[in-house]
Full PDB file with SEQRES, HELIX, SHEET, SSBOND, CRYST1, ORIGX, SCALE, CONECT and MASTER records, all heavy atoms in Angstrom:
SEQRES   1 A   36  ALA TYR ILE GLU ASP VAL ASP PHE GLU ASN ASN SER ALA          
SEQRES   2 A   36  GLN ILE ALA GLU GLN ILE ASN ASN PHE VAL ASP GLU GLN          
SEQRES   3 A   36  THR HIS GLY LYS ILE THR GLN LEU VAL SER                      
HELIX    1 AA1 PHE A    8  GLN A   26  1                                  19    
CRYST1    1.000    1.000    1.000  90.00  90.00  90.00 P 1           1          
ORIGX1      1.000000  0.000000  0.000000        0.00000                         
ORIGX2      0.000000  1.000000  0.000000        0.00000                         
ORIGX3      0.000000  0.000000  1.000000        0.00000                         
SCALE1      1.000000  0.000000  0.000000        0.00000                         
SCALE2      0.000000  1.000000  0.000000        0.00000                         
SCALE3      0.000000  0.000000  1.000000        0.00000                         
ATOM      1  N   ALA A   1      11.170   2.902 -10.264  1.00  0.00           N  
ATOM      2  CA  ALA A   1      10.416   2.498  -9.081  1.00  0.00           C  
ATOM      3  C   ALA A   1      10.531   3.547  -7.980  1.00  0.00           C  
ATOM      4  O   ALA A   1      11.598   4.135  -7.759  1.00  0.00           O  
ATOM      5  CB  ALA A   1      10.918   1.155  -8.566  1.00  0.00           C  
ATOM      6  N   TYR A   2       9.425   3.761  -7.295  1.00  0.00           N  
ATOM      7  CA  TYR A   2       9.421   4.552  -6.069  1.00  0.00           C  
ATOM      8  C   TYR A   2       9.926   3.655  -4.941  1.00  0.00           C  
ATOM      9  O   TYR A   2       9.410   2.543  -4.746  1.00  0.00           O  
ATOM     10  CB  TYR A   2       8.011   5.062  -5.767  1.00  0.00           C  
ATOM     11  CG  TYR A   2       7.853   5.677  -4.404  1.00  0.00           C  
ATOM     12  CD1 TYR A   2       8.344   6.952  -4.141  1.00  0.00           C  
ATOM     13  CD2 TYR A   2       7.220   4.971  -3.384  1.00  0.00           C  
ATOM     14  CE1 TYR A   2       8.203   7.527  -2.880  1.00  0.00           C  
ATOM     15  CE2 TYR A   2       7.071   5.534  -2.124  1.00  0.00           C  
ATOM     16  CZ  TYR A   2       7.568   6.803  -1.872  1.00  0.00           C  
ATOM     17  OH  TYR A   2       7.442   7.351  -0.635  1.00  0.00           O  
ATOM     18  N   ILE A   3      10.925   4.089  -4.197  1.00  0.00           N  
ATOM     19  CA  ILE A   3      11.541   3.272  -3.153  1.00  0.00           C  
ATOM     20  C   ILE A   3      11.387   3.964  -1.807  1.00  0.00           C  
ATOM     21  O   ILE A   3      11.602   5.172  -1.687  1.00  0.00           O  
ATOM     22  CB  ILE A   3      13.040   3.030  -3.461  1.00  0.00           C  
ATOM     23  CG1 ILE A   3      13.190   2.295  -4.807  1.00  0.00           C  
ATOM     24  CG2 ILE A   3      13.686   2.225  -2.339  1.00  0.00           C  
ATOM     25  CD1 ILE A   3      14.631   2.055  -5.218  1.00  0.00           C  
ATOM     26  N   GLU A   4      11.032   3.177  -0.799  1.00  0.00           N  
ATOM     27  CA  GLU A   4      10.857   3.737   0.545  1.00  0.00           C  
ATOM     28  C   GLU A   4      11.249   2.705   1.591  1.00  0.00           C  
ATOM     29  O   GLU A   4      10.959   1.510   1.450  1.00  0.00           O  
ATOM     30  CB  GLU A   4       9.400   4.155   0.755  1.00  0.00           C  
ATOM     31  CG  GLU A   4       9.138   4.821   2.100  1.00  0.00           C  
ATOM     32  CD  GLU A   4       7.696   5.233   2.287  1.00  0.00           C  
ATOM     33  OE1 GLU A   4       6.916   5.167   1.306  1.00  0.00           O  
ATOM     34  OE2 GLU A   4       7.328   5.624   3.422  1.00  0.00           O  
ATOM     35  N   ASP A   5      11.912   3.154   2.645  1.00  0.00           N  
ATOM     36  CA  ASP A   5      12.221   2.314   3.799  1.00  0.00           C  
ATOM     37  C   ASP A   5      11.051   2.376   4.778  1.00  0.00           C  
ATOM     38  O   ASP A   5      10.577   3.469   5.118  1.00  0.00           O  
ATOM     39  CB  ASP A   5      13.502   2.793   4.492  1.00  0.00           C  
ATOM     40  CG  ASP A   5      14.731   2.638   3.609  1.00  0.00           C  
ATOM     41  OD1 ASP A   5      14.757   1.693   2.799  1.00  0.00           O  
ATOM     42  OD2 ASP A   5      15.653   3.465   3.720  1.00  0.00           O  
ATOM     43  N   VAL A   6      10.601   1.215   5.213  1.00  0.00           N  
ATOM     44  CA  VAL A   6       9.428   1.146   6.093  1.00  0.00           C  
ATOM     45  C   VAL A   6       9.695   0.167   7.230  1.00  0.00           C  
ATOM     46  O   VAL A   6      10.631  -0.642   7.180  1.00  0.00           O  
ATOM     47  CB  VAL A   6       8.160   0.718   5.319  1.00  0.00           C  
ATOM     48  CG1 VAL A   6       7.790   1.746   4.262  1.00  0.00           C  
ATOM     49  CG2 VAL A   6       8.361  -0.656   4.677  1.00  0.00           C  
ATOM     50  N   ASP A   7       8.849   0.208   8.244  1.00  0.00           N  
ATOM     51  CA  ASP A   7       8.966  -0.666   9.414  1.00  0.00           C  
ATOM     52  C   ASP A   7       7.891  -1.743   9.347  1.00  0.00           C  
ATOM     53  O   ASP A   7       6.798  -1.607   9.907  1.00  0.00           O  
ATOM     54  CB  ASP A   7       8.835   0.166  10.695  1.00  0.00           C  
ATOM     55  CG  ASP A   7       9.102  -0.641  11.952  1.00  0.00           C  
ATOM     56  OD1 ASP A   7       9.301  -1.870  11.850  1.00  0.00           O  
ATOM     57  OD2 ASP A   7       9.085  -0.048  13.049  1.00  0.00           O  
ATOM     58  N   PHE A   8       8.206  -2.828   8.633  1.00  0.00           N  
ATOM     59  CA  PHE A   8       7.247  -3.919   8.508  1.00  0.00           C  
ATOM     60  C   PHE A   8       6.918  -4.540   9.858  1.00  0.00           C  
ATOM     61  O   PHE A   8       5.783  -4.935  10.117  1.00  0.00           O  
ATOM     62  CB  PHE A   8       7.797  -5.013   7.582  1.00  0.00           C  
ATOM     63  CG  PHE A   8       7.796  -4.662   6.123  1.00  0.00           C  
ATOM     64  CD1 PHE A   8       8.986  -4.382   5.471  1.00  0.00           C  
ATOM     65  CD2 PHE A   8       6.618  -4.605   5.399  1.00  0.00           C  
ATOM     66  CE1 PHE A   8       8.995  -4.067   4.122  1.00  0.00           C  
ATOM     67  CE2 PHE A   8       6.617  -4.293   4.049  1.00  0.00           C  
ATOM     68  CZ  PHE A   8       7.811  -4.016   3.409  1.00  0.00           C  
ATOM     69  N   GLU A   9       7.926  -4.636  10.743  1.00  0.00           N  
ATOM     70  CA  GLU A   9       7.747  -5.365  11.992  1.00  0.00           C  
ATOM     71  C   GLU A   9       6.720  -4.711  12.901  1.00  0.00           C  
ATOM     72  O   GLU A   9       5.898  -5.391  13.534  1.00  0.00           O  
ATOM     73  CB  GLU A   9       9.091  -5.484  12.725  1.00  0.00           C  
ATOM     74  CG  GLU A   9       9.007  -6.338  13.980  1.00  0.00           C  
ATOM     75  CD  GLU A   9      10.363  -6.600  14.601  1.00  0.00           C  
ATOM     76  OE1 GLU A   9      11.373  -6.091  14.074  1.00  0.00           O  
ATOM     77  OE2 GLU A   9      10.409  -7.321  15.616  1.00  0.00           O  
ATOM     78  N   ASN A  10       6.737  -3.388  12.956  1.00  0.00           N  
ATOM     79  CA  ASN A  10       5.861  -2.695  13.900  1.00  0.00           C  
ATOM     80  C   ASN A  10       4.671  -1.990  13.249  1.00  0.00           C  
ATOM     81  O   ASN A  10       3.732  -1.603  13.955  1.00  0.00           O  
ATOM     82  CB  ASN A  10       6.669  -1.667  14.700  1.00  0.00           C  
ATOM     83  CG  ASN A  10       7.745  -2.319  15.557  1.00  0.00           C  
ATOM     84  OD1 ASN A  10       7.455  -3.228  16.332  1.00  0.00           O  
ATOM     85  ND2 ASN A  10       8.984  -1.867  15.399  1.00  0.00           N  
ATOM     86  N   ASN A  11       4.717  -1.821  11.917  1.00  0.00           N  
ATOM     87  CA  ASN A  11       3.667  -1.048  11.246  1.00  0.00           C  
ATOM     88  C   ASN A  11       3.073  -1.791  10.049  1.00  0.00           C  
ATOM     89  O   ASN A  11       2.745  -1.174   9.040  1.00  0.00           O  
ATOM     90  CB  ASN A  11       4.225   0.309  10.786  1.00  0.00           C  
ATOM     91  CG  ASN A  11       4.673   1.179  11.934  1.00  0.00           C  
ATOM     92  OD1 ASN A  11       4.004   1.240  12.958  1.00  0.00           O  
ATOM     93  ND2 ASN A  11       5.807   1.836  11.763  1.00  0.00           N  
ATOM     94  N   SER A  12       2.931  -3.107  10.153  1.00  0.00           N  
ATOM     95  CA  SER A  12       2.487  -3.891   8.992  1.00  0.00           C  
ATOM     96  C   SER A  12       1.100  -3.478   8.513  1.00  0.00           C  
ATOM     97  O   SER A  12       0.830  -3.433   7.311  1.00  0.00           O  
ATOM     98  CB  SER A  12       2.517  -5.386   9.322  1.00  0.00           C  
ATOM     99  OG  SER A  12       1.656  -5.682  10.417  1.00  0.00           O  
ATOM    100  N   ALA A  13       0.197  -3.149   9.433  1.00  0.00           N  
ATOM    101  CA  ALA A  13      -1.161  -2.762   9.035  1.00  0.00           C  
ATOM    102  C   ALA A  13      -1.150  -1.449   8.257  1.00  0.00           C  
ATOM    103  O   ALA A  13      -1.832  -1.315   7.231  1.00  0.00           O  
ATOM    104  CB  ALA A  13      -2.052  -2.639  10.272  1.00  0.00           C  
ATOM    105  N   GLN A  14      -0.371  -0.490   8.717  1.00  0.00           N  
ATOM    106  CA  GLN A  14      -0.285   0.797   8.029  1.00  0.00           C  
ATOM    107  C   GLN A  14       0.367   0.664   6.660  1.00  0.00           C  
ATOM    108  O   GLN A  14      -0.028   1.337   5.698  1.00  0.00           O  
ATOM    109  CB  GLN A  14       0.501   1.805   8.877  1.00  0.00           C  
ATOM    110  CG  GLN A  14      -0.174   2.185  10.187  1.00  0.00           C  
ATOM    111  CD  GLN A  14       0.287   1.300  11.350  1.00  0.00           C  
ATOM    112  OE1 GLN A  14       0.455   0.087  11.187  1.00  0.00           O  
ATOM    113  NE2 GLN A  14       0.479   1.921  12.506  1.00  0.00           N  
ATOM    114  N   ILE A  15       1.367  -0.227   6.566  1.00  0.00           N  
ATOM    115  CA  ILE A  15       2.049  -0.426   5.280  1.00  0.00           C  
ATOM    116  C   ILE A  15       1.125  -1.111   4.282  1.00  0.00           C  
ATOM    117  O   ILE A  15       1.110  -0.781   3.097  1.00  0.00           O  
ATOM    118  CB  ILE A  15       3.348  -1.216   5.479  1.00  0.00           C  
ATOM    119  CG1 ILE A  15       4.308  -0.418   6.365  1.00  0.00           C  
ATOM    120  CG2 ILE A  15       4.009  -1.525   4.138  1.00  0.00           C  
ATOM    121  CD1 ILE A  15       5.483  -1.225   6.874  1.00  0.00           C  
ATOM    122  N   ALA A  16       0.325  -2.072   4.754  1.00  0.00           N  
ATOM    123  CA  ALA A  16      -0.664  -2.700   3.877  1.00  0.00           C  
ATOM    124  C   ALA A  16      -1.641  -1.656   3.345  1.00  0.00           C  
ATOM    125  O   ALA A  16      -1.996  -1.669   2.157  1.00  0.00           O  
ATOM    126  CB  ALA A  16      -1.419  -3.794   4.637  1.00  0.00           C  
ATOM    127  N   GLU A  17      -2.051  -0.733   4.204  1.00  0.00           N  
ATOM    128  CA  GLU A  17      -2.935   0.351   3.770  1.00  0.00           C  
ATOM    129  C   GLU A  17      -2.232   1.244   2.758  1.00  0.00           C  
ATOM    130  O   GLU A  17      -2.837   1.685   1.762  1.00  0.00           O  
ATOM    131  CB  GLU A  17      -3.384   1.175   4.973  1.00  0.00           C  
ATOM    132  CG  GLU A  17      -4.365   2.289   4.619  1.00  0.00           C  
ATOM    133  CD  GLU A  17      -4.808   3.079   5.836  1.00  0.00           C  
ATOM    134  OE1 GLU A  17      -4.327   2.781   6.955  1.00  0.00           O  
ATOM    135  OE2 GLU A  17      -5.627   3.996   5.668  1.00  0.00           O  
ATOM    136  N   GLN A  18      -0.945   1.501   2.966  1.00  0.00           N  
ATOM    137  CA  GLN A  18      -0.171   2.311   2.028  1.00  0.00           C  
ATOM    138  C   GLN A  18      -0.106   1.645   0.657  1.00  0.00           C  
ATOM    139  O   GLN A  18      -0.255   2.301  -0.382  1.00  0.00           O  
ATOM    140  CB  GLN A  18       1.242   2.520   2.569  1.00  0.00           C  
ATOM    141  CG  GLN A  18       2.168   3.272   1.622  1.00  0.00           C  
ATOM    142  CD  GLN A  18       3.571   3.410   2.190  1.00  0.00           C  
ATOM    143  OE1 GLN A  18       3.773   3.403   3.402  1.00  0.00           O  
ATOM    144  NE2 GLN A  18       4.570   3.518   1.313  1.00  0.00           N  
ATOM    145  N   ILE A  19       0.118   0.339   0.649  1.00  0.00           N  
ATOM    146  CA  ILE A  19       0.164  -0.402  -0.614  1.00  0.00           C  
ATOM    147  C   ILE A  19      -1.183  -0.315  -1.328  1.00  0.00           C  
ATOM    148  O   ILE A  19      -1.259  -0.056  -2.534  1.00  0.00           O  
ATOM    149  CB  ILE A  19       0.552  -1.873  -0.355  1.00  0.00           C  
ATOM    150  CG1 ILE A  19       2.009  -1.959   0.110  1.00  0.00           C  
ATOM    151  CG2 ILE A  19       0.326  -2.727  -1.594  1.00  0.00           C  
ATOM    152  CD1 ILE A  19       2.393  -3.308   0.657  1.00  0.00           C  
ATOM    153  N   ASN A  20      -2.256  -0.527  -0.576  1.00  0.00           N  
ATOM    154  CA  ASN A  20      -3.587  -0.468  -1.180  1.00  0.00           C  
ATOM    155  C   ASN A  20      -3.902   0.928  -1.710  1.00  0.00           C  
ATOM    156  O   ASN A  20      -4.533   1.071  -2.763  1.00  0.00           O  
ATOM    157  CB  ASN A  20      -4.635  -0.912  -0.164  1.00  0.00           C  
ATOM    158  CG  ASN A  20      -4.591  -2.403   0.117  1.00  0.00           C  
ATOM    159  OD1 ASN A  20      -4.210  -3.185  -0.755  1.00  0.00           O  
ATOM    160  ND2 ASN A  20      -4.970  -2.804   1.315  1.00  0.00           N  
ATOM    161  N   ASN A  21      -3.452   1.945  -1.011  1.00  0.00           N  
ATOM    162  CA  ASN A  21      -3.669   3.314  -1.486  1.00  0.00           C  
ATOM    163  C   ASN A  21      -2.894   3.578  -2.774  1.00  0.00           C  
ATOM    164  O   ASN A  21      -3.394   4.257  -3.682  1.00  0.00           O  
ATOM    165  CB  ASN A  21      -3.259   4.322  -0.411  1.00  0.00           C  
ATOM    166  CG  ASN A  21      -4.214   4.356   0.764  1.00  0.00           C  
ATOM    167  OD1 ASN A  21      -5.367   3.940   0.647  1.00  0.00           O  
ATOM    168  ND2 ASN A  21      -3.752   4.834   1.904  1.00  0.00           N  
ATOM    169  N   PHE A  22      -1.667   3.054  -2.857  1.00  0.00           N  
ATOM    170  CA  PHE A  22      -0.852   3.205  -4.059  1.00  0.00           C  
ATOM    171  C   PHE A  22      -1.546   2.555  -5.257  1.00  0.00           C  
ATOM    172  O   PHE A  22      -1.681   3.152  -6.335  1.00  0.00           O  
ATOM    173  CB  PHE A  22       0.517   2.570  -3.828  1.00  0.00           C  
ATOM    174  CG  PHE A  22       1.397   2.500  -5.052  1.00  0.00           C  
ATOM    175  CD1 PHE A  22       2.117   3.601  -5.481  1.00  0.00           C  
ATOM    176  CD2 PHE A  22       1.508   1.318  -5.771  1.00  0.00           C  
ATOM    177  CE1 PHE A  22       2.929   3.534  -6.605  1.00  0.00           C  
ATOM    178  CE2 PHE A  22       2.304   1.235  -6.900  1.00  0.00           C  
ATOM    179  CZ  PHE A  22       3.020   2.351  -7.311  1.00  0.00           C  
ATOM    180  N   VAL A  23      -2.020   1.326  -5.053  1.00  0.00           N  
ATOM    181  CA  VAL A  23      -2.694   0.611  -6.137  1.00  0.00           C  
ATOM    182  C   VAL A  23      -4.007   1.298  -6.499  1.00  0.00           C  
ATOM    183  O   VAL A  23      -4.355   1.430  -7.678  1.00  0.00           O  
ATOM    184  CB  VAL A  23      -2.926  -0.862  -5.738  1.00  0.00           C  
ATOM    185  CG1 VAL A  23      -3.790  -1.571  -6.765  1.00  0.00           C  
ATOM    186  CG2 VAL A  23      -1.594  -1.587  -5.582  1.00  0.00           C  
ATOM    187  N   ASP A  24      -4.735   1.741  -5.494  1.00  0.00           N  
ATOM    188  CA  ASP A  24      -5.997   2.459  -5.722  1.00  0.00           C  
ATOM    189  C   ASP A  24      -5.763   3.686  -6.601  1.00  0.00           C  
ATOM    190  O   ASP A  24      -6.504   3.934  -7.561  1.00  0.00           O  
ATOM    191  CB  ASP A  24      -6.579   2.866  -4.364  1.00  0.00           C  
ATOM    192  CG  ASP A  24      -7.906   3.597  -4.486  1.00  0.00           C  
ATOM    193  OD1 ASP A  24      -8.658   3.315  -5.438  1.00  0.00           O  
ATOM    194  OD2 ASP A  24      -8.192   4.451  -3.635  1.00  0.00           O  
ATOM    195  N   GLU A  25      -4.720   4.437  -6.295  1.00  0.00           N  
ATOM    196  CA  GLU A  25      -4.417   5.642  -7.073  1.00  0.00           C  
ATOM    197  C   GLU A  25      -3.982   5.293  -8.490  1.00  0.00           C  
ATOM    198  O   GLU A  25      -4.442   5.903  -9.463  1.00  0.00           O  
ATOM    199  CB  GLU A  25      -3.315   6.438  -6.376  1.00  0.00           C  
ATOM    200  CG  GLU A  25      -2.922   7.716  -7.116  1.00  0.00           C  
ATOM    201  CD  GLU A  25      -1.803   8.474  -6.428  1.00  0.00           C  
ATOM    202  OE1 GLU A  25      -1.376   8.054  -5.332  1.00  0.00           O  
ATOM    203  OE2 GLU A  25      -1.342   9.492  -6.992  1.00  0.00           O  
ATOM    204  N   GLN A  26      -3.102   4.304  -8.631  1.00  0.00           N  
ATOM    205  CA  GLN A  26      -2.558   3.964  -9.943  1.00  0.00           C  
ATOM    206  C   GLN A  26      -3.612   3.346 -10.863  1.00  0.00           C  
ATOM    207  O   GLN A  26      -3.515   3.460 -12.088  1.00  0.00           O  
ATOM    208  CB  GLN A  26      -1.368   3.015  -9.801  1.00  0.00           C  
ATOM    209  CG  GLN A  26      -0.168   3.618  -9.093  1.00  0.00           C  
ATOM    210  CD  GLN A  26       0.398   4.817  -9.812  1.00  0.00           C  
ATOM    211  OE1 GLN A  26       0.419   4.876 -11.038  1.00  0.00           O  
ATOM    212  NE2 GLN A  26       0.869   5.805  -9.052  1.00  0.00           N  
ATOM    213  N   THR A  27      -4.609   2.671 -10.285  1.00  0.00           N  
ATOM    214  CA  THR A  27      -5.659   2.049 -11.101  1.00  0.00           C  
ATOM    215  C   THR A  27      -6.938   2.871 -11.113  1.00  0.00           C  
ATOM    216  O   THR A  27      -8.005   2.365 -11.455  1.00  0.00           O  
ATOM    217  CB  THR A  27      -5.965   0.625 -10.601  1.00  0.00           C  
ATOM    218  OG1 THR A  27      -6.464   0.673  -9.261  1.00  0.00           O  
ATOM    219  CG2 THR A  27      -4.721  -0.254 -10.642  1.00  0.00           C  
ATOM    220  N   HIS A  28      -6.823   4.122 -10.711  1.00  0.00           N  
ATOM    221  CA  HIS A  28      -7.950   5.057 -10.770  1.00  0.00           C  
ATOM    222  C   HIS A  28      -9.170   4.530 -10.019  1.00  0.00           C  
ATOM    223  O   HIS A  28     -10.305   4.630 -10.496  1.00  0.00           O  
ATOM    224  CB  HIS A  28      -8.294   5.371 -12.226  1.00  0.00           C  
ATOM    225  CG  HIS A  28      -7.174   6.037 -12.974  1.00  0.00           C  
ATOM    226  ND1 HIS A  28      -7.251   7.337 -13.423  1.00  0.00           N  
ATOM    227  CD2 HIS A  28      -5.945   5.590 -13.342  1.00  0.00           C  
ATOM    228  CE1 HIS A  28      -6.117   7.657 -14.037  1.00  0.00           C  
ATOM    229  NE2 HIS A  28      -5.311   6.616 -14.001  1.00  0.00           N  
ATOM    230  N   GLY A  29      -8.908   3.918  -8.873  1.00  0.00           N  
ATOM    231  CA  GLY A  29      -9.985   3.474  -8.002  1.00  0.00           C  
ATOM    232  C   GLY A  29     -10.626   2.152  -8.373  1.00  0.00           C  
ATOM    233  O   GLY A  29     -11.613   1.755  -7.752  1.00  0.00           O  
ATOM    234  N   LYS A  30     -10.075   1.441  -9.352  1.00  0.00           N  
ATOM    235  CA  LYS A  30     -10.691   0.190  -9.783  1.00  0.00           C  
ATOM    236  C   LYS A  30     -10.227  -1.018  -8.970  1.00  0.00           C  
ATOM    237  O   LYS A  30     -10.916  -2.031  -8.899  1.00  0.00           O  
ATOM    238  CB  LYS A  30     -10.408  -0.038 -11.272  1.00  0.00           C  
ATOM    239  CG  LYS A  30     -10.997   1.051 -12.172  1.00  0.00           C  
ATOM    240  CD  LYS A  30     -12.491   1.175 -11.975  1.00  0.00           C  
ATOM    241  CE  LYS A  30     -13.077   2.281 -12.837  1.00  0.00           C  
ATOM    242  NZ  LYS A  30     -14.528   2.431 -12.639  1.00  0.00           N  
ATOM    243  N   ILE A  31      -9.054  -0.947  -8.391  1.00  0.00           N  
ATOM    244  CA  ILE A  31      -8.600  -1.966  -7.445  1.00  0.00           C  
ATOM    245  C   ILE A  31      -8.285  -1.243  -6.151  1.00  0.00           C  
ATOM    246  O   ILE A  31      -7.360  -0.444  -6.082  1.00  0.00           O  
ATOM    247  CB  ILE A  31      -7.369  -2.727  -7.952  1.00  0.00           C  
ATOM    248  CG1 ILE A  31      -7.732  -3.540  -9.196  1.00  0.00           C  
ATOM    249  CG2 ILE A  31      -6.821  -3.658  -6.862  1.00  0.00           C  
ATOM    250  CD1 ILE A  31      -6.581  -4.317  -9.780  1.00  0.00           C  
ATOM    251  N   THR A  32      -9.095  -1.495  -5.126  1.00  0.00           N  
ATOM    252  CA  THR A  32      -8.983  -0.733  -3.886  1.00  0.00           C  
ATOM    253  C   THR A  32      -8.305  -1.511  -2.767  1.00  0.00           C  
ATOM    254  O   THR A  32      -7.806  -0.908  -1.824  1.00  0.00           O  
ATOM    255  CB  THR A  32     -10.378  -0.285  -3.407  1.00  0.00           C  
ATOM    256  OG1 THR A  32     -11.207  -1.439  -3.235  1.00  0.00           O  
ATOM    257  CG2 THR A  32     -11.015   0.655  -4.418  1.00  0.00           C  
ATOM    258  N   GLN A  33      -8.300  -2.827  -2.835  1.00  0.00           N  
ATOM    259  CA  GLN A  33      -7.643  -3.609  -1.791  1.00  0.00           C  
ATOM    260  C   GLN A  33      -6.925  -4.785  -2.431  1.00  0.00           C  
ATOM    261  O   GLN A  33      -7.533  -5.764  -2.833  1.00  0.00           O  
ATOM    262  CB  GLN A  33      -8.640  -4.115  -0.741  1.00  0.00           C  
ATOM    263  CG  GLN A  33      -7.943  -4.841   0.404  1.00  0.00           C  
ATOM    264  CD  GLN A  33      -8.883  -5.245   1.515  1.00  0.00           C  
ATOM    265  OE1 GLN A  33     -10.099  -5.201   1.354  1.00  0.00           O  
ATOM    266  NE2 GLN A  33      -8.335  -5.635   2.651  1.00  0.00           N  
ATOM    267  N   LEU A  34      -5.614  -4.671  -2.492  1.00  0.00           N  
ATOM    268  CA  LEU A  34      -4.806  -5.743  -3.056  1.00  0.00           C  
ATOM    269  C   LEU A  34      -4.298  -6.680  -1.976  1.00  0.00           C  
ATOM    270  O   LEU A  34      -4.208  -7.879  -2.178  1.00  0.00           O  
ATOM    271  CB  LEU A  34      -3.633  -5.150  -3.839  1.00  0.00           C  
ATOM    272  CG  LEU A  34      -2.802  -6.135  -4.646  1.00  0.00           C  
ATOM    273  CD1 LEU A  34      -3.644  -6.761  -5.754  1.00  0.00           C  
ATOM    274  CD2 LEU A  34      -1.582  -5.448  -5.245  1.00  0.00           C  
ATOM    275  N   VAL A  35      -3.967  -6.130  -0.814  1.00  0.00           N  
ATOM    276  CA  VAL A  35      -3.475  -6.950   0.295  1.00  0.00           C  
ATOM    277  C   VAL A  35      -4.344  -6.702   1.514  1.00  0.00           C  
ATOM    278  O   VAL A  35      -4.851  -5.597   1.738  1.00  0.00           O  
ATOM    279  CB  VAL A  35      -1.997  -6.630   0.621  1.00  0.00           C  
ATOM    280  CG1 VAL A  35      -1.108  -7.015  -0.540  1.00  0.00           C  
ATOM    281  CG2 VAL A  35      -1.807  -5.159   0.978  1.00  0.00           C  
ATOM    282  N   SER A  36      -4.516  -7.741   2.318  1.00  0.00           N  
ATOM    283  CA  SER A  36      -5.291  -7.601   3.547  1.00  0.00           C  
ATOM    284  C   SER A  36      -4.403  -7.558   4.777  1.00  0.00           C  
ATOM    285  O   SER A  36      -4.820  -7.141   5.849  1.00  0.00           O  
ATOM    286  CB  SER A  36      -6.280  -8.767   3.680  1.00  0.00           C  
ATOM    287  OG  SER A  36      -5.600 -10.011   3.632  1.00  0.00           O  
TER     288      SER A  36                                                      
MASTER        0    0    0    1    0    0    0    6  287    1    0    3          
END                                                                             
């Protein structure tokens, strides 16, 4: 697993975007938004 420390409290929107980008990359663009 790739592990990273993040600031959920102050940067939740950016982290959600990071998660979606990770999934987008891993699924070759077929799932672009997993979390809102």
